[in-house]
Amino acid sequence: MGAFGNLLGIRCSVQLGRGPVVMPAPPLLMESVLEIEVRQATERDSGFKIVLSAGREGPLGMFGPPFAGDERFQRGARVVITVWTGVKPTPIFDGIVTKSQYIPGTGAHQGRYVMLGRDLTHVMNQEQKREAHPAQDEATVARKIAATYASYGMVPDVKQPKVIDPPIPLDRTPTQTCTDLSYLRMLARRHGFKVFVDPGPLPGASKLYFGPVPLPGMPQKAMSVNLGPMSDAYDVKVEHDGESFAAARGRVQDRATGQTTELEIPTAAKVPQSLMPDHVTQIGQGKTTETTTSGFSLARMMAELMARVEDSASKVLKVTGTVDNARYNDVLKPYRSVQMRGLGTPYNGTYQVAEVRHRLKPGSYSQTFELHRDGLFPLVPVITPEEAQP
């Protein structure tokens, strides 16, 4: 694989193409890779950067860098990046090139060609639409929109909200006046859901997820801090934000009856991630946000208040750091749960992976991470079984 040989059982592969179809990258690209960086996040757009050596030399140097004229490396190309641990493929990115840069440098071997891009949500954000969705709730709309991108290997993974307010055509008809991505994110915010493209389980395939985080399932392989030869994470920092959690209160005038109702959500209704979650220990002691609106139904207002409380409750404890993947011998995936050990009893336990940033270079692979949790002390004092590996 050129520069990306076997790194203690870890390898990297890249596939390129125009449109939905991708093929393995040519040997020239893999031999020219200097760095690959991928960001996957729940709160921000996911993106990638590939830096290639592109020095002009030899009799063909007058024609410019070797990648500039190939449409597979230009804006609009599709890129799939996969990390292999042993024989198991883990797609870490599936997206579209949105920008390219050429840096000539001052010598024959100092030129750089840089490819920058976004994940497949980019194709969902290109066309503003005006479309009605009569008699369809949020989950139904999400499945319908996801189906229009099946040519990219995308399948829907849609969860049903806790509070359902189905639109009755005689009362209202939901109408989309923006891009598919913007509309899905607006629907998701009503219920505290997230919308993202989760690459995998195989290269070229992905899931459009519409639902709560973390994803259901067993935790990933535990990360270890300050445990001698067992350690695989470093530069770890823990922040406990006592002002993060906020209750929510609202007043809504029902559009059908005109009656005004006051609602208050003092604590989160989600399953706790810790033994002492702040949304339980600080009931009545923290701040409260207030919303007044009209035109909403009572059910929709309740869903939005619950989403606001649960979002603030999940970010009380934040852990950042870097994991050495050669030691970890796996890929830390975002949007899921993972366990930490070696931080001390109050901070050990299960966290939600909110963001990861992959950094691959010839001879090294590491990930920086950001983890969230709702409070101190783990629910169980031991490491539970890891998620099953395919």
Protein backbone atom coordinates (compact mmCIF):
# COMPACT_ATOMS: atom_id res chain seq x y z
CA MET A 1 0.00 0.00 0.00
CA GLY A 2 2.97 2.30 -0.58
CA ALA A 3 3.58 4.70 2.26
CA PHE A 4 0.73 3.20 4.30
CA GLY A 5 2.10 -0.23 5.04
CA ASN A 6 1.19 -2.41 7.98
CA LEU A 7 1.28 -0.32 11.15
CA LEU A 8 1.17 -3.06 13.78
CA GLY A 9 -1.78 -4.55 11.92
CA ILE A 10 -3.33 -1.20 10.89
CA ARG A 11 -3.55 -0.12 7.24
CA CYS A 12 -5.38 2.56 5.29
CA SER A 13 -7.09 2.42 1.90
CA VAL A 14 -8.69 5.13 -0.24
CA GLN A 15 -11.34 4.83 -2.95
CA LEU A 16 -12.15 7.57 -5.47
CA GLY A 17 -14.76 8.21 -8.13
CA ARG A 18 -17.07 10.61 -9.88
CA GLY A 19 -20.67 10.25 -8.80
CA PRO A 20 -21.84 7.36 -6.66
CA VAL A 21 -19.33 4.77 -7.97
CA VAL A 22 -15.89 4.55 -6.32
CA MET A 23 -12.82 2.49 -7.22
CA PRO A 24 -9.52 1.85 -5.41
CA ALA A 25 -7.13 4.80 -5.61
CA PRO A 26 -4.23 4.47 -8.05
CA PRO A 27 -0.82 3.48 -6.60
CA LEU A 28 0.48 6.98 -7.38
CA LEU A 29 -1.89 8.49 -4.82
CA MET A 30 -1.07 6.03 -2.04
CA GLU A 31 2.65 6.50 -2.63
CA SER A 32 2.22 10.28 -2.47
CA VAL A 33 0.15 10.48 0.73
CA LEU A 34 1.77 12.64 3.40
CA GLU A 35 -1.19 12.99 5.74
CA ILE A 36 -4.88 12.15 6.00
CA GLU A 37 -7.06 13.95 8.52
CA VAL A 38 -10.74 13.17 9.12
CA ARG A 39 -13.16 14.85 11.53
CA GLN A 40 -16.40 13.17 12.58
CA ALA A 41 -18.66 15.12 14.92
CA THR A 42 -22.23 15.33 16.18
CA GLU A 43 -22.28 19.11 16.73
CA ARG A 44 -20.28 20.21 13.67
CA ASP A 45 -19.97 19.25 10.02
CA SER A 46 -17.71 16.27 9.33
CA GLY A 47 -14.87 16.76 6.86
CA PHE A 48 -11.54 15.45 5.59
CA LYS A 49 -8.15 16.60 4.31
CA ILE A 50 -5.69 14.59 2.22
CA VAL A 51 -2.22 16.03 1.68
CA LEU A 52 -0.26 14.62 -1.26
CA SER A 53 3.33 15.15 -2.33
CA ALA A 54 3.12 16.86 -5.73
CA GLY A 55 6.55 18.22 -6.57
CA ARG A 56 7.19 19.02 -10.23
CA GLU A 57 10.28 17.29 -11.55
CA GLY A 58 11.55 15.46 -14.60
CA PRO A 59 10.59 16.08 -18.23
CA LEU A 60 6.86 16.14 -17.41
CA GLY A 61 7.20 18.79 -14.70
CA MET A 62 6.22 21.52 -17.14
CA PHE A 63 2.66 20.14 -17.15
CA GLY A 64 2.13 20.91 -13.48
CA PRO A 65 1.32 18.67 -10.49
CA PRO A 66 0.36 15.08 -11.40
CA PHE A 67 -3.12 15.31 -9.78
CA ALA A 68 -4.33 18.65 -11.13
CA GLY A 69 -5.71 17.29 -14.40
CA ASP A 70 -7.42 14.18 -13.02
CA GLU A 71 -11.14 14.68 -12.29
CA ARG A 72 -10.99 12.06 -9.52
CA PHE A 73 -9.00 14.57 -7.45
CA GLN A 74 -11.11 17.61 -8.25
CA ARG A 75 -14.19 19.24 -6.77
CA GLY A 76 -17.18 16.91 -6.87
CA ALA A 77 -15.23 13.66 -6.61
CA ARG A 78 -16.34 11.10 -4.05
CA VAL A 79 -13.78 9.82 -1.52
CA VAL A 80 -14.08 6.78 0.77
CA ILE A 81 -11.41 6.32 3.45
CA THR A 82 -11.14 2.98 5.25
CA VAL A 83 -8.90 1.85 8.11
CA TRP A 84 -8.11 -1.85 8.34
CA THR A 85 -7.28 -3.43 11.70
CA GLY A 86 -6.08 -6.86 10.74
CA VAL A 87 -8.65 -8.08 8.21
CA LYS A 88 -11.53 -5.96 9.54
CA PRO A 89 -12.42 -2.85 7.48
CA THR A 90 -13.68 0.23 9.32
CA PRO A 91 -14.85 3.00 6.95
CA ILE A 92 -14.09 6.30 8.69
CA PHE A 93 -15.25 8.67 5.96
CA ASP A 94 -17.47 8.81 2.90
CA GLY A 95 -17.76 12.22 1.33
CA ILE A 96 -17.29 14.69 -1.49
CA VAL A 97 -14.28 16.84 -2.44
CA THR A 98 -15.36 20.48 -2.14
CA LYS A 99 -12.02 22.25 -2.58
CA SER A 100 -8.47 21.55 -3.75
CA GLN A 101 -5.24 23.48 -3.16
CA TYR A 102 -1.84 23.40 -4.83
CA ILE A 103 1.25 24.65 -2.98
CA PRO A 104 4.24 24.67 -5.37
CA GLY A 105 6.93 24.94 -2.68
CA THR A 106 10.50 26.03 -3.42
CA GLY A 107 12.07 22.72 -4.42
CA ALA A 108 11.43 19.67 -6.56
CA HIS A 109 10.04 17.60 -3.67
CA GLN A 110 8.27 20.32 -1.70
CA GLY A 111 5.07 20.72 -3.71
CA ARG A 112 1.81 19.79 -2.00
CA TYR A 113 -1.62 19.00 -3.40
CA VAL A 114 -4.41 19.21 -0.82
CA MET A 115 -7.92 17.76 -1.17
CA LEU A 116 -10.59 19.09 1.22
CA GLY A 117 -14.16 17.93 1.54
CA ARG A 118 -17.34 17.19 3.49
CA ASP A 119 -19.17 13.97 4.21
CA LEU A 120 -22.20 12.82 2.22
CA THR A 121 -24.45 15.31 3.97
CA HIS A 122 -22.90 17.72 1.44
CA VAL A 123 -24.98 16.22 -1.39
CA MET A 124 -28.09 16.66 0.79
CA ASN A 125 -27.37 20.36 1.16
CA GLN A 126 -27.10 21.41 -2.48
CA GLU A 127 -30.69 22.05 -3.56
CA GLN A 128 -33.33 24.16 -1.87
CA LYS A 129 -36.72 22.55 -2.26
CA ARG A 130 -40.32 23.50 -1.74
CA GLU A 131 -42.15 20.29 -0.99
CA ALA A 132 -45.15 19.33 1.12
CA HIS A 133 -45.17 16.27 3.37
CA PRO A 134 -48.88 15.71 4.06
CA ALA A 135 -49.90 13.38 6.92
CA GLN A 136 -46.26 12.39 7.56
CA ASP A 137 -44.55 12.61 10.93
CA GLU A 138 -40.85 13.39 11.38
CA ALA A 139 -39.67 9.76 11.20
CA THR A 140 -41.62 9.10 8.00
CA VAL A 141 -40.21 12.22 6.35
CA ALA A 142 -36.66 11.22 7.36
CA ARG A 143 -37.06 7.77 5.79
CA LYS A 144 -38.48 9.27 2.59
CA ILE A 145 -35.65 11.77 2.21
CA ALA A 146 -32.96 9.15 2.93
CA ALA A 147 -34.39 6.91 0.20
CA THR A 148 -33.62 9.55 -2.44
CA TYR A 149 -29.87 9.09 -1.82
CA ALA A 150 -29.79 5.30 -2.17
CA SER A 151 -27.49 5.59 -5.20
CA TYR A 152 -24.70 6.63 -2.80
CA GLY A 153 -25.11 3.43 -0.82
CA MET A 154 -27.05 5.29 1.89
CA VAL A 155 -29.79 3.52 3.83
CA PRO A 156 -32.04 5.09 6.49
CA ASP A 157 -31.58 4.37 10.18
CA VAL A 158 -34.47 6.33 11.66
CA LYS A 159 -35.62 6.18 15.29
CA GLN A 160 -39.11 7.08 16.45
CA PRO A 161 -39.34 10.18 18.72
CA LYS A 162 -40.66 9.84 22.26
CA VAL A 163 -43.39 12.42 21.65
CA ILE A 164 -45.37 12.07 18.43
CA ASP A 165 -47.48 14.88 17.01
CA PRO A 166 -48.78 13.50 13.68
CA PRO A 167 -49.95 16.21 11.28
CA ILE A 168 -53.62 15.98 10.39
CA PRO A 169 -54.20 17.40 6.87
CA LEU A 170 -57.29 19.32 7.96
CA ASP A 171 -55.14 21.02 10.63
CA ARG A 172 -51.72 21.48 9.05
CA THR A 173 -49.41 20.17 6.32
CA PRO A 174 -45.64 20.25 6.96
CA THR A 175 -43.89 22.06 4.12
CA GLN A 176 -40.19 22.00 3.37
CA THR A 177 -38.70 25.25 2.02
CA CYS A 178 -34.98 24.47 2.41
CA THR A 179 -32.45 21.76 1.59
CA ASP A 180 -33.00 18.18 2.69
CA LEU A 181 -30.22 18.42 5.27
CA SER A 182 -31.50 21.66 6.80
CA TYR A 183 -35.03 20.28 7.01
CA LEU A 184 -33.95 17.03 8.66
CA ARG A 185 -31.85 18.92 11.20
CA MET A 186 -34.79 21.17 12.02
CA LEU A 187 -37.03 18.13 12.58
CA ALA A 188 -34.34 16.44 14.68
CA ARG A 189 -33.86 19.45 16.97
CA ARG A 190 -37.51 19.22 18.06
CA HIS A 191 -36.76 15.91 19.75
CA GLY A 192 -33.10 16.28 20.75
CA PHE A 193 -32.09 14.02 17.86
CA LYS A 194 -29.01 14.19 15.65
CA VAL A 195 -28.71 13.80 11.89
CA PHE A 196 -25.50 12.47 10.40
CA VAL A 197 -24.11 10.00 7.88
CA ASP A 198 -22.48 7.03 9.61
CA PRO A 199 -20.04 5.37 7.14
CA GLY A 200 -20.04 1.59 6.93
CA PRO A 201 -20.36 -1.22 7.68
CA LEU A 202 -18.47 -1.75 4.40
CA PRO A 203 -16.62 0.75 2.18
CA GLY A 204 -19.06 2.58 -0.10
CA ALA A 205 -22.05 1.95 2.17
CA SER A 206 -23.40 4.23 4.90
CA LYS A 207 -26.42 4.94 7.09
CA LEU A 208 -28.32 8.19 7.36
CA TYR A 209 -29.03 8.29 11.07
CA PHE A 210 -31.95 10.22 12.55
CA GLY A 211 -32.24 9.64 16.27
CA PRO A 212 -30.73 10.06 19.72
CA VAL A 213 -27.07 9.65 20.62
CA PRO A 214 -25.22 7.63 21.63
CA LEU A 215 -26.22 4.87 19.25
CA PRO A 216 -27.65 1.82 20.99
CA GLY A 217 -25.35 -1.15 21.59
CA MET A 218 -22.46 -2.32 23.73
CA PRO A 219 -19.60 0.12 24.47
CA GLN A 220 -16.53 0.16 22.30
CA LYS A 221 -13.16 -1.15 23.43
CA ALA A 222 -12.16 0.68 26.62
CA MET A 223 -9.41 3.32 26.57
CA SER A 224 -6.79 3.29 29.33
CA VAL A 225 -5.02 6.28 30.90
CA ASN A 226 -1.94 6.22 33.14
CA LEU A 227 -1.98 2.44 33.53
CA GLY A 228 1.62 1.71 32.51
CA PRO A 229 2.00 -0.70 29.57
CA MET A 230 -1.80 -0.90 29.25
CA SER A 231 -2.10 2.84 28.52
CA ASP A 232 -3.25 3.86 25.04
CA ALA A 233 -4.64 7.39 25.67
CA TYR A 234 -2.64 10.49 26.60
CA ASP A 235 -2.96 14.27 26.98
CA VAL A 236 -6.31 13.59 28.66
CA LYS A 237 -8.22 16.42 30.34
CA VAL A 238 -11.49 16.24 32.27
CA GLU A 239 -13.86 19.20 32.65
CA HIS A 240 -16.88 19.21 34.96
CA ASP A 241 -19.13 22.12 34.02
CA GLY A 242 -21.51 22.70 36.90
CA GLU A 243 -23.46 25.30 34.90
CA SER A 244 -24.05 23.15 31.84
CA PHE A 245 -27.35 21.62 32.95
CA ALA A 246 -30.46 23.77 32.67
CA ALA A 247 -34.13 23.01 33.28
CA ALA A 248 -36.66 24.30 30.77
CA ARG A 249 -39.97 26.09 31.14
CA GLY A 250 -42.36 27.18 28.45
CA ARG A 251 -45.73 28.73 27.79
CA VAL A 252 -47.64 27.71 24.70
CA GLN A 253 -50.92 28.89 23.22
CA ASP A 254 -52.52 25.94 21.50
CA ARG A 255 -53.40 26.86 17.93
CA ALA A 256 -56.58 24.78 17.98
CA THR A 257 -58.15 25.85 21.28
CA GLY A 258 -56.41 29.16 21.97
CA GLN A 259 -55.79 27.99 25.53
CA THR A 260 -52.47 28.92 27.15
CA THR A 261 -50.63 26.17 29.02
CA GLU A 262 -47.45 26.37 31.09
CA LEU A 263 -44.98 23.48 31.00
CA GLU A 264 -41.84 22.87 33.03
CA ILE A 265 -39.30 20.07 32.54
CA PRO A 266 -37.06 20.02 35.65
CA THR A 267 -34.87 17.05 34.72
CA ALA A 268 -33.92 14.80 31.81
CA ALA A 269 -35.97 11.68 31.09
CA LYS A 270 -33.16 9.76 29.40
CA VAL A 271 -31.36 6.79 30.93
CA PRO A 272 -28.47 8.14 33.07
CA GLN A 273 -24.87 7.47 32.07
CA SER A 274 -23.47 8.00 35.57
CA LEU A 275 -24.31 7.21 39.19
CA MET A 276 -24.67 10.90 40.14
CA PRO A 277 -26.03 12.75 37.09
CA ASP A 278 -26.27 16.51 37.55
CA HIS A 279 -29.80 16.59 36.20
CA VAL A 280 -30.83 14.57 39.28
CA THR A 281 -28.53 15.98 41.97
CA GLN A 282 -29.18 19.61 40.93
CA ILE A 283 -32.95 19.60 40.53
CA GLY A 284 -34.17 23.05 41.52
CA GLN A 285 -30.65 24.41 42.00
CA GLY A 286 -29.51 25.15 38.45
CA LYS A 287 -30.64 27.70 35.90
CA THR A 288 -33.90 27.51 33.98
CA THR A 289 -34.44 28.67 30.42
CA GLU A 290 -37.87 29.92 29.38
CA THR A 291 -39.68 29.94 26.05
CA THR A 292 -42.96 31.53 25.11
CA THR A 293 -44.53 30.71 21.78
CA SER A 294 -47.82 30.34 19.97
CA GLY A 295 -48.88 28.16 17.08
CA PHE A 296 -47.31 25.04 18.58
CA SER A 297 -49.34 22.13 19.82
CA LEU A 298 -48.89 21.03 23.40
CA ALA A 299 -47.14 17.83 22.28
CA ARG A 300 -44.62 19.68 20.13
CA MET A 301 -43.82 22.15 22.89
CA MET A 302 -43.25 19.30 25.35
CA ALA A 303 -40.92 17.55 22.88
CA GLU A 304 -38.82 20.69 22.39
CA LEU A 305 -38.49 21.37 26.12
CA MET A 306 -37.50 17.76 26.79
CA ALA A 307 -34.92 17.92 23.99
CA ARG A 308 -33.41 21.11 25.40
CA VAL A 309 -33.07 19.65 28.91
CA GLU A 310 -31.60 16.35 27.72
CA ASP A 311 -29.06 18.09 25.49
CA SER A 312 -27.76 20.24 28.34
CA ALA A 313 -27.72 17.28 30.75
CA SER A 314 -25.52 15.16 28.47
CA LYS A 315 -22.62 17.66 28.38
CA VAL A 316 -21.90 18.13 32.09
CA LEU A 317 -18.69 16.10 32.01
CA LYS A 318 -16.29 16.49 29.06
CA VAL A 319 -13.13 14.46 28.46
CA THR A 320 -10.64 15.34 25.71
CA GLY A 321 -7.42 13.60 24.74
CA THR A 322 -5.60 11.51 22.14
CA VAL A 323 -5.55 7.75 21.61
CA ASP A 324 -2.61 5.93 20.02
CA ASN A 325 -4.37 3.49 17.69
CA ALA A 326 -1.36 1.21 17.36
CA ARG A 327 -1.68 0.55 21.11
CA TYR A 328 -5.48 0.71 21.12
CA ASN A 329 -5.50 -1.73 18.18
CA ASP A 330 -8.91 -0.54 17.04
CA VAL A 331 -10.73 2.50 15.63
CA LEU A 332 -12.61 4.78 18.03
CA LYS A 333 -15.96 5.52 16.39
CA PRO A 334 -18.05 8.64 17.01
CA TYR A 335 -21.73 8.74 17.96
CA ARG A 336 -21.33 5.63 20.15
CA SER A 337 -20.40 4.94 23.76
CA VAL A 338 -16.93 4.06 25.04
CA GLN A 339 -15.47 3.33 28.44
CA MET A 340 -12.53 5.07 30.11
CA ARG A 341 -10.36 3.62 32.88
CA GLY A 342 -7.44 5.04 34.81
CA LEU A 343 -9.03 8.46 35.38
CA GLY A 344 -10.00 7.76 38.98
CA THR A 345 -13.29 6.49 40.37
CA PRO A 346 -15.37 9.70 39.86
CA TYR A 347 -14.44 9.91 36.17
CA ASN A 348 -14.13 6.29 35.06
CA GLY A 349 -16.95 4.62 33.20
CA THR A 350 -19.04 5.04 30.07
CA TYR A 351 -19.09 8.17 27.89
CA GLN A 352 -20.67 9.27 24.63
CA VAL A 353 -18.14 9.92 21.84
CA ALA A 354 -19.12 13.38 20.60
CA GLU A 355 -16.21 13.99 18.19
CA VAL A 356 -13.11 12.25 16.86
CA ARG A 357 -10.36 13.52 14.60
CA HIS A 358 -8.30 10.88 12.77
CA ARG A 359 -4.68 11.69 11.90
CA LEU A 360 -2.93 9.22 9.63
CA LYS A 361 0.68 9.58 8.51
CA PRO A 362 3.18 7.04 7.19
CA GLY A 363 4.11 5.09 10.31
CA SER A 364 1.52 6.55 12.72
CA TYR A 365 -2.21 6.68 13.40
CA SER A 366 -3.83 8.58 16.25
CA GLN A 367 -7.21 10.05 17.09
CA THR A 368 -8.07 13.05 19.21
CA PHE A 369 -11.45 12.70 20.90
CA GLU A 370 -14.11 14.53 22.87
CA LEU A 371 -16.37 12.54 25.19
CA HIS A 372 -19.49 13.68 27.06
CA ARG A 373 -21.36 12.38 30.12
CA ASP A 374 -24.08 13.58 32.48
CA GLY A 375 -22.26 13.38 35.84
CA LEU A 376 -19.78 11.77 38.23
CA PHE A 377 -19.11 8.12 39.11
CA PRO A 378 -19.79 5.18 36.78
CA LEU A 379 -23.03 3.24 36.92
CA VAL A 380 -21.05 0.00 37.38
CA PRO A 381 -17.53 -0.16 38.91
CA VAL A 382 -16.18 -2.62 36.31
CA ILE A 383 -15.59 -2.55 32.57
CA THR A 384 -18.52 -4.14 30.75
CA PRO A 385 -18.10 -6.34 27.63
CA GLU A 386 -17.15 -4.52 24.46
CA GLU A 387 -19.33 -4.28 21.38
CA ALA A 388 -19.21 -7.35 19.22
CA GLN A 389 -16.69 -7.20 16.40
CA PRO A 390 -17.79 -8.47 12.98
